[in-house]
Protein backbone atom coordinates (compact mmCIF):
# COMPACT_ATOMS: atom_id res chain seq x y z
CA UNK A 1 -10.52 102.63 -46.70
CA UNK A 2 -8.63 102.00 -49.93
CA UNK A 3 -6.86 104.90 -51.65
CA UNK A 4 -7.56 103.49 -55.10
CA UNK A 5 -10.45 104.48 -57.38
CA UNK A 6 -10.61 101.50 -59.72
CA UNK A 7 -12.39 98.29 -58.84
CA UNK A 8 -9.37 96.33 -60.08
CA UNK A 9 -6.84 97.91 -57.74
CA UNK A 10 -9.29 97.97 -54.85
CA UNK A 11 -9.92 94.25 -55.19
CA UNK A 12 -6.31 93.21 -55.71
CA UNK A 13 -5.00 95.24 -52.77
CA UNK A 14 -7.81 94.51 -50.31
CA UNK A 15 -7.59 90.77 -50.94
CA UNK A 16 -3.81 90.63 -50.54
CA UNK A 17 -2.50 90.26 -54.09
CA UNK A 18 -0.26 93.34 -54.29
CA UNK A 19 3.45 92.93 -53.67
CA UNK A 20 5.13 95.14 -56.29
CA UNK A 21 3.79 97.43 -58.99
CA UNK A 22 5.70 99.56 -61.46
CA UNK A 23 3.23 102.45 -61.03
CA UNK A 24 0.32 101.87 -58.66
CA UNK A 25 -1.35 105.23 -59.26
CA UNK A 26 -0.87 105.06 -63.02
CA UNK A 27 -2.41 101.59 -63.21
CA UNK A 28 -5.27 102.66 -60.95
CA UNK A 29 -5.98 105.66 -63.19
CA UNK A 30 -5.87 103.53 -66.36
CA UNK A 31 -8.21 100.91 -64.85
CA UNK A 32 -10.60 103.59 -63.57
CA UNK A 33 -10.80 105.36 -66.93
CA UNK A 34 -11.29 102.28 -69.10
CA UNK A 35 -10.95 98.55 -69.51
CA UNK A 36 -7.41 97.24 -69.05
CA UNK A 37 -6.08 94.28 -71.01
CA UNK A 38 -3.64 92.23 -68.93
CA UNK A 39 -1.82 88.96 -69.29
CA UNK A 40 -0.01 86.21 -67.42
CA UNK A 41 2.24 83.63 -69.06
CA UNK A 42 2.16 79.93 -68.19
CA UNK A 43 4.92 77.71 -69.51
CA UNK A 44 3.92 74.17 -70.47
CA UNK A 45 6.26 72.16 -68.25
CA UNK A 46 3.57 69.68 -67.08
CA UNK A 47 0.11 68.60 -68.33
CA UNK A 48 -1.54 70.48 -65.47
CA UNK A 49 -1.06 73.58 -63.40
CA UNK A 50 -1.11 73.21 -59.63
CA UNK A 51 -2.39 75.26 -56.72
CA UNK A 52 0.80 77.34 -56.82
CA UNK A 53 -0.53 78.89 -60.05
CA UNK A 54 -3.96 79.58 -58.61
CA UNK A 55 -3.03 83.03 -57.29
CA UNK A 56 -2.22 84.11 -60.84
CA UNK A 57 -5.39 82.55 -62.26
CA UNK A 58 -7.48 84.34 -59.63
CA UNK A 59 -5.89 87.66 -60.62
CA UNK A 60 -7.00 87.13 -64.22
CA UNK A 61 -10.48 86.32 -62.90
CA UNK A 62 -10.59 89.52 -60.85
CA UNK A 63 -9.34 91.50 -63.85
CA UNK A 64 -12.23 90.20 -65.93
CA UNK A 65 -14.81 90.78 -63.20
CA UNK A 66 -13.55 94.36 -62.92
CA UNK A 67 -14.31 94.90 -66.61
CA UNK A 68 -10.85 94.19 -67.99
CA UNK A 69 -9.82 91.69 -70.64
CA UNK A 70 -7.56 88.83 -69.51
CA UNK A 71 -5.05 87.16 -71.80
CA UNK A 72 -3.83 83.65 -70.98
CA UNK A 73 -0.45 83.32 -72.65
CA UNK A 74 0.63 79.71 -73.04
CA UNK A 75 4.38 79.39 -73.40
CA UNK A 76 4.61 76.96 -76.27
CA UNK A 77 7.67 78.91 -77.39
CA UNK A 78 9.36 79.87 -74.11
CA UNK A 79 8.94 76.34 -72.70
CA UNK A 80 11.50 75.26 -75.28
CA UNK A 81 14.05 77.27 -73.29
CA UNK A 82 12.75 76.99 -69.73
CA UNK A 83 12.39 79.87 -67.27
CA UNK A 84 15.52 79.97 -65.07
CA UNK A 85 13.87 82.26 -62.49
CA UNK A 86 14.51 81.05 -58.92
CA UNK A 87 16.05 77.82 -60.24
CA UNK A 88 19.57 76.70 -59.35
CA UNK A 89 19.91 74.33 -62.28
CA UNK A 90 18.89 74.10 -65.91
CA UNK A 91 15.48 72.61 -66.61
CA UNK A 92 15.40 69.56 -68.89
CA UNK A 93 14.66 70.38 -72.53
CA UNK A 94 11.21 69.09 -73.54
CA UNK A 95 10.32 67.76 -76.99
CA UNK A 96 7.80 69.60 -79.15
CA UNK A 97 5.42 66.64 -78.77
CA UNK A 98 5.56 66.76 -74.96
CA UNK A 99 5.06 70.52 -74.93
CA UNK A 100 1.97 70.13 -77.14
CA UNK A 101 0.63 67.40 -74.83
CA UNK A 102 1.18 69.55 -71.74
CA UNK A 103 -0.45 72.52 -73.42
CA UNK A 104 -3.62 70.54 -74.15
CA UNK A 105 -3.95 69.60 -70.49
CA UNK A 106 -3.36 73.11 -69.18
CA UNK A 107 -5.95 74.68 -71.50
CA UNK A 108 -8.87 72.89 -69.78
CA UNK A 109 -8.32 74.57 -66.40
CA UNK A 110 -9.03 78.11 -67.58
CA UNK A 111 -12.56 77.37 -68.73
CA UNK A 112 -13.45 76.93 -65.04
CA UNK A 113 -12.21 80.37 -64.01
CA UNK A 114 -12.58 82.68 -67.02
CA UNK A 115 -15.33 83.59 -69.48
CA UNK A 116 -14.20 83.23 -73.10
CA UNK A 117 -17.42 84.79 -74.43
CA UNK A 118 -18.95 88.23 -74.02
CA UNK A 119 -17.79 91.84 -74.42
CA UNK A 120 -14.58 91.40 -72.41
CA UNK A 121 -14.00 87.76 -73.32
CA UNK A 122 -10.73 86.21 -72.21
CA UNK A 123 -8.17 85.41 -74.89
CA UNK A 124 -5.85 82.41 -74.98
CA UNK A 125 -2.78 82.66 -77.17
CA UNK A 126 0.50 80.77 -77.59
CA UNK A 127 3.78 82.64 -77.84
CA UNK A 128 5.03 79.97 -80.23
CA UNK A 129 2.87 81.78 -82.79
CA UNK A 130 5.46 84.56 -83.01
CA UNK A 131 8.60 83.19 -81.31
CA UNK A 132 8.92 80.11 -83.52
CA UNK A 133 9.08 82.26 -86.62
CA UNK A 134 11.74 84.68 -85.42
CA UNK A 135 14.97 84.74 -87.36
CA UNK A 136 17.91 84.68 -84.97
CA UNK A 137 19.85 87.51 -86.57
CA UNK A 138 16.69 89.56 -87.01
CA UNK A 139 15.78 89.07 -83.35
CA UNK A 140 19.24 90.05 -82.13
CA UNK A 141 19.18 93.21 -84.24
CA UNK A 142 15.64 94.11 -83.23
CA UNK A 143 15.59 93.18 -79.55
CA UNK A 144 19.11 92.24 -78.47
CA UNK A 145 20.39 95.79 -79.01
CA UNK A 146 17.99 97.04 -76.33
CA UNK A 147 19.51 94.86 -73.57
CA UNK A 148 22.93 95.23 -72.03
CA UNK A 149 24.83 92.28 -70.63
CA UNK A 150 25.77 94.55 -67.71
CA UNK A 151 22.13 94.80 -66.66
CA UNK A 152 21.24 91.20 -67.38
CA UNK A 153 23.96 89.76 -65.13
CA UNK A 154 22.60 91.84 -62.24
CA UNK A 155 19.15 90.27 -62.56
CA UNK A 156 18.48 88.06 -59.56
CA UNK A 157 18.40 84.75 -61.43
CA UNK A 158 21.70 85.30 -63.25
CA UNK A 159 23.35 86.87 -60.22
CA UNK A 160 22.39 83.92 -58.02
CA UNK A 161 23.86 81.42 -60.47
CA UNK A 162 27.08 83.41 -60.91
CA UNK A 163 27.56 84.16 -57.20
CA UNK A 164 27.17 80.47 -56.38
CA UNK A 165 29.35 79.37 -59.31
CA UNK A 166 26.43 77.44 -60.81
CA UNK A 167 26.21 77.03 -64.59
CA UNK A 168 23.75 79.11 -66.58
CA UNK A 169 23.45 78.24 -70.25
CA UNK A 170 23.31 80.87 -72.96
CA UNK A 171 19.91 79.38 -73.85
CA UNK A 172 18.52 80.29 -70.41
CA UNK A 173 20.24 83.67 -70.52
CA UNK A 174 17.99 84.53 -73.47
CA UNK A 175 14.75 83.87 -71.57
CA UNK A 176 14.23 87.45 -70.27
CA UNK A 177 14.55 88.76 -73.84
CA UNK A 178 11.85 86.43 -75.11
CA UNK A 179 9.47 87.12 -72.21
CA UNK A 180 9.99 90.86 -72.68
CA UNK A 181 9.30 90.48 -76.38
CA UNK A 182 6.05 88.67 -75.52
CA UNK A 183 4.85 91.80 -73.73
CA UNK A 184 5.71 94.05 -76.69
CA UNK A 185 4.00 91.63 -79.08
CA UNK A 186 0.84 91.41 -76.96
CA UNK A 187 0.76 95.18 -76.72
CA UNK A 188 1.01 95.45 -80.49
CA UNK A 189 -1.59 92.76 -81.20
CA UNK A 190 -4.14 93.27 -78.43
CA UNK A 191 -3.38 96.60 -76.77
CA UNK A 192 -2.16 94.79 -73.63
CA UNK A 193 -0.91 97.23 -70.99
CA UNK A 194 -0.55 95.05 -67.90
CA UNK A 195 1.56 92.03 -67.08
CA UNK A 196 0.74 90.17 -63.87
CA UNK A 197 2.87 87.52 -62.19
CA UNK A 198 4.52 86.19 -59.07
CA UNK A 199 7.31 88.01 -57.26
CA UNK A 200 9.90 85.71 -58.89
CA UNK A 201 8.95 87.28 -62.24
CA UNK A 202 9.65 90.88 -61.22
CA UNK A 203 12.94 91.15 -63.10
CA UNK A 204 11.44 89.72 -66.30
CA UNK A 205 8.35 91.94 -65.97
CA UNK A 206 10.18 95.24 -65.58
CA UNK A 207 12.42 94.45 -68.57
CA UNK A 208 9.22 93.76 -70.54
CA UNK A 209 7.75 97.07 -69.44
CA UNK A 210 10.91 98.85 -70.55
CA UNK A 211 11.14 97.02 -73.89
CA UNK A 212 7.48 97.70 -74.73
CA UNK A 213 7.97 101.39 -73.98
CA UNK A 214 11.05 101.53 -76.20
CA UNK A 215 9.68 99.46 -79.07
CA UNK A 216 6.04 100.57 -79.08
CA UNK A 217 6.20 103.94 -77.33
CA UNK A 218 3.47 102.78 -74.93
CA UNK A 219 3.10 103.21 -71.17
CA UNK A 220 2.50 99.78 -69.69
CA UNK A 221 2.50 98.32 -66.19
CA UNK A 222 3.76 95.39 -64.15
CA UNK A 223 2.17 93.90 -61.05
CA UNK A 224 3.40 91.02 -58.88
CA UNK A 225 2.01 89.00 -55.99
CA UNK A 226 3.91 88.01 -52.87
CA UNK A 227 5.27 84.50 -52.47
CA UNK A 228 2.42 82.59 -50.88
CA UNK A 229 3.52 80.30 -48.05
CA UNK A 230 1.67 78.54 -45.27
CA UNK A 231 1.78 79.76 -41.69
CA UNK A 232 4.29 77.01 -40.88
CA UNK A 233 6.57 78.20 -43.68
CA UNK A 234 5.73 75.54 -46.26
CA UNK A 235 5.36 76.20 -49.97
CA UNK A 236 1.78 76.80 -51.04
CA UNK A 237 0.36 73.93 -53.08
CA UNK A 238 2.92 71.38 -51.98
CA UNK A 239 2.24 68.53 -49.55
CA UNK A 240 4.19 65.46 -48.52
CA UNK A 241 2.02 63.62 -51.04
CA UNK A 242 3.14 65.90 -53.87
CA UNK A 243 1.72 68.89 -55.75
CA UNK A 244 -1.98 69.72 -55.61
CA UNK A 245 -2.78 69.61 -59.33
CA UNK A 246 -5.76 71.50 -60.74
CA UNK A 247 -6.72 68.89 -63.33
CA UNK A 248 -9.03 66.13 -62.19
CA UNK A 249 -9.25 64.16 -65.44
CA UNK A 250 -7.08 61.00 -65.34
CA UNK A 251 -7.36 60.79 -69.13
CA UNK A 252 -4.97 63.74 -69.32
CA UNK A 253 -2.31 62.29 -67.03
CA UNK A 254 -2.60 59.85 -64.16
CA UNK A 255 0.40 61.47 -62.47
CA UNK A 256 -0.83 65.07 -62.63
CA UNK A 257 -4.39 64.90 -61.34
CA UNK A 258 -6.24 65.33 -58.06
CA UNK A 259 -9.79 64.17 -57.52
CA UNK A 260 -12.42 66.63 -56.32
CA UNK A 261 -12.33 64.95 -52.90
CA UNK A 262 -8.53 65.23 -52.64
CA UNK A 263 -8.76 68.86 -53.70
CA UNK A 264 -11.49 69.54 -51.13
CA UNK A 265 -9.50 67.79 -48.41
CA UNK A 266 -6.42 69.89 -49.20
CA UNK A 267 -8.30 73.09 -48.46
CA UNK A 268 -10.06 71.54 -45.44
CA UNK A 269 -6.61 70.78 -43.97
CA UNK A 270 -5.58 74.46 -44.10
CA UNK A 271 -3.76 75.64 -40.99
CA UNK A 272 -5.87 77.77 -38.66
CA UNK A 273 -3.70 80.86 -39.19
CA UNK A 274 -4.08 80.67 -42.99
CA UNK A 275 -7.87 80.43 -43.28
CA UNK A 276 -8.56 84.15 -43.64
CA UNK A 277 -5.70 84.73 -46.08
CA UNK A 278 -6.71 81.80 -48.26
CA UNK A 279 -10.38 82.84 -48.28
CA UNK A 280 -9.31 86.27 -49.56
CA UNK A 281 -6.94 84.93 -52.21
CA UNK A 282 -8.67 81.80 -53.46
CA UNK A 283 -12.40 82.51 -53.13
CA UNK A 284 -14.82 85.35 -53.82
CA UNK A 285 -16.42 85.33 -50.39
CA UNK A 286 -17.08 88.98 -49.41
CA UNK A 287 -14.44 90.53 -47.16
CA UNK A 288 -16.96 91.30 -44.40
CA UNK A 289 -17.93 87.65 -44.24
CA UNK A 290 -14.30 86.54 -44.27
CA UNK A 291 -13.60 88.79 -41.27
CA UNK A 292 -16.27 86.94 -39.31
CA UNK A 293 -15.06 83.51 -40.41
CA UNK A 294 -11.41 84.08 -39.55
CA UNK A 295 -12.40 85.43 -36.12
CA UNK A 296 -13.78 82.00 -35.16
CA UNK A 297 -11.63 80.10 -32.70
CA UNK A 298 -11.35 76.68 -31.17
CA UNK A 299 -13.33 73.97 -32.93
CA UNK A 300 -15.46 76.64 -34.64
CA UNK A 301 -12.59 77.46 -37.01
CA UNK A 302 -13.52 74.23 -38.78
CA UNK A 303 -16.65 76.02 -40.04
CA UNK A 304 -14.38 78.46 -41.88
CA UNK A 305 -12.22 75.63 -43.24
CA UNK A 306 -15.24 73.80 -44.64
CA UNK A 307 -16.43 77.05 -46.24
CA UNK A 308 -12.99 77.54 -47.82
CA UNK A 309 -12.95 73.96 -49.11
CA UNK A 310 -16.46 74.25 -50.55
CA UNK A 311 -15.84 77.59 -52.25
CA UNK A 312 -12.49 76.57 -53.77
CA UNK A 313 -13.74 73.17 -54.92
CA UNK A 314 -16.95 74.61 -56.38
CA UNK A 315 -14.92 77.04 -58.48
CA UNK A 316 -12.78 74.28 -59.98
CA UNK A 317 -14.96 71.15 -59.95
CA UNK A 318 -18.50 72.48 -59.52
CA UNK A 319 -21.00 72.71 -56.66
CA UNK A 320 -22.12 69.10 -56.93
CA UNK A 321 -18.59 67.75 -56.59
CA UNK A 322 -17.93 70.05 -53.63
CA UNK A 323 -21.10 68.91 -51.85
CA UNK A 324 -20.23 65.26 -52.47
CA UNK A 325 -16.70 65.79 -51.12
CA UNK A 326 -18.04 67.45 -47.98
CA UNK A 327 -20.52 64.61 -47.45
CA UNK A 328 -17.77 62.01 -47.85
CA UNK A 329 -15.55 63.84 -45.37
CA UNK A 330 -18.41 64.16 -42.88
CA UNK A 331 -19.16 60.45 -43.09
CA UNK A 332 -15.50 59.65 -42.57
CA UNK A 333 -14.68 62.09 -39.80
CA UNK A 334 -17.69 63.67 -38.11
CA UNK A 335 -19.74 60.47 -37.87
CA UNK A 336 -16.82 58.46 -36.60
CA UNK A 337 -16.78 56.08 -39.52
CA UNK A 338 -20.14 54.53 -38.77
CA UNK A 339 -21.62 55.48 -42.12
CA UNK A 340 -18.39 54.93 -44.00
CA UNK A 341 -17.98 51.53 -42.36
CA UNK A 342 -14.47 52.20 -41.05
CA UNK A 343 -13.16 50.52 -37.90
CA UNK A 344 -12.91 53.09 -35.11
CA UNK A 345 -10.57 52.86 -32.12
CA UNK A 346 -11.14 55.18 -29.16
CA UNK A 347 -8.01 56.80 -27.73
CA UNK A 348 -7.75 59.36 -24.87
CA UNK A 349 -7.24 62.82 -26.35
CA UNK A 350 -4.09 63.47 -24.33
CA UNK A 351 -2.60 60.22 -25.66
CA UNK A 352 -3.65 60.79 -29.26
CA UNK A 353 -2.19 64.29 -29.39
CA UNK A 354 1.53 63.64 -29.80
CA UNK A 355 1.28 59.93 -30.58
CA UNK A 356 4.00 58.73 -32.94
CA UNK A 357 2.87 57.72 -36.40
CA UNK A 358 4.16 54.17 -35.96
CA UNK A 359 2.23 53.76 -32.71
CA UNK A 360 -0.84 55.20 -34.45
CA UNK A 361 -0.58 52.65 -37.27
CA UNK A 362 -0.27 49.80 -34.76
CA UNK A 363 -3.12 51.13 -32.61
CA UNK A 364 -5.31 51.43 -35.73
CA UNK A 365 -4.60 47.79 -36.53
CA UNK A 366 -2.96 48.62 -39.85
CA UNK A 367 0.50 47.44 -38.78
CA UNK A 368 1.43 44.58 -36.47
CA UNK A 369 4.66 46.24 -35.36
CA UNK A 370 6.72 49.40 -35.68
CA UNK A 371 8.88 47.55 -38.20
CA UNK A 372 5.90 46.84 -40.43
CA UNK A 373 4.87 50.48 -40.08
CA UNK A 374 8.31 51.58 -41.26
CA UNK A 375 8.02 49.27 -44.27
CA UNK A 376 4.65 50.84 -45.13
CA UNK A 377 6.23 54.31 -44.97
CA UNK A 378 9.19 53.23 -47.10
CA UNK A 379 6.76 51.88 -49.70
CA UNK A 380 4.79 55.16 -49.66
CA UNK A 381 1.68 53.33 -48.50
CA UNK A 382 1.00 54.83 -45.05
CA UNK A 383 -1.21 57.92 -44.99
CA UNK A 384 -2.42 60.29 -42.30
CA UNK A 385 -5.71 61.99 -43.16
CA UNK A 386 -5.14 61.01 -46.81
CA UNK A 387 -1.67 62.63 -46.89
CA UNK A 388 1.37 60.39 -47.44
CA UNK A 389 3.64 59.92 -44.42
CA UNK A 390 7.32 60.32 -45.30
CA UNK A 391 9.05 59.94 -41.94
CA UNK A 392 8.69 57.36 -39.17
CA UNK A 393 9.53 60.14 -36.69
CA UNK A 394 6.32 62.04 -37.49
CA UNK A 395 3.87 62.55 -34.62
CA UNK A 396 0.19 63.43 -34.51
CA UNK A 397 -0.70 66.98 -33.54
CA UNK A 398 -3.94 68.74 -32.63
CA UNK A 399 -3.98 69.91 -36.26
CA UNK A 400 -4.33 66.28 -37.37
CA UNK A 401 -7.33 65.60 -35.12
CA UNK A 402 -10.20 66.69 -37.37
CA UNK A 403 -13.60 66.80 -35.71
CA UNK A 404 -12.32 64.49 -33.02
CA UNK A 405 -10.83 61.78 -35.24
CA UNK A 406 -7.68 60.89 -37.15
CA UNK A 407 -7.78 58.76 -40.28
CA UNK A 408 -4.95 56.27 -40.82
CA UNK A 409 -4.63 54.41 -44.13
CA UNK A 410 -2.42 51.82 -45.75
CA UNK A 411 -2.77 51.77 -49.51
CA UNK A 412 -6.10 52.54 -51.10
CA UNK A 413 -8.29 49.99 -49.34
CA UNK A 414 -7.20 49.73 -45.68
CA UNK A 415 -8.45 52.53 -43.44
CA UNK A 416 -9.19 53.07 -39.75
CA UNK A 417 -10.08 55.94 -37.44
CA UNK A 418 -8.57 56.89 -34.11
CA UNK A 419 -11.24 58.74 -32.17
CA UNK A 420 -10.33 61.13 -29.37
CA UNK A 421 -12.32 60.60 -26.14
């Protein structure tokens, strides 16, 4: 039984979003008594966001569904500096033209998750609107006097660079001031009283809370999520084949897109131990239903994985695309390739589980020798269940055997299935 009264705090805590909050009870009271306006900033470093940003997008969605007003803050201004948080080197400086291009690609994602019409319509703003016009001396007099260097060098990002004798430019050192100023500006313009973000943003968020209190005399809040990793310790949203981008339109960028099928397959490949957590974080399936799904074991856990893949893909690409992706996967895996027309080689289960990737490529008829298999890997052409293979020492595991089969591919046109018997 949750101790919170507001729908917002109940949802965020019960579904696993809460890691740190500047004042849990104060935020709960504010959300219970009226609509809260909250924001998250997204710098424009690429023409798409990836799955690693999805936790933050889902928080904005829950805020809106709880009656609050979400603000999507695009960092057209802050991207010109680059957030140094959790980075051990300076990010490359992007041109204004590239930032504008990236911003146009990122904008399209939010229409899938947020409602920009209605009484609590989401707002999308760009901090370049106020940061680009700041006079340097004026900014230092207005904001710089409220920060001490003593405190700033103890912030985790700066401390990590200094302790490890890594360079940190004065440009990057200014980033916390600008992000803090964003909060004060959004409070002044829109009555924003909540900043949400990942745990790596905690230092920037609490300085923003403090600056807004000092400049505007307002009580505001900060809320962060935990770092989301997979059960095996991997970074959420990253695979050997690269980031799982949220954009599916190749017209935006051929390098920063994932098709609906690739997106569906990513969720379908979730590790058994992560299914319940990911259903809570990345879907709106009721908690009671999630409890039943994550209790499934053995081969039945695949039912939960398909549900996760369908729900997540429907939210981003639509129900029709999700259904088509599931049908394609079923034809490829569950029906043993008969419908998909893929050659299928039967292999004893005990032999398939633990088989080296080179042996698998040879057995599938996609390489004539281990040497040719290595050349395919070096060229980035060999794939296991549509994920790029990066090491010739990789072996198949029970996790790779989906519905009794393993898909091996070379390039985009050569595929085969190894079927466990």
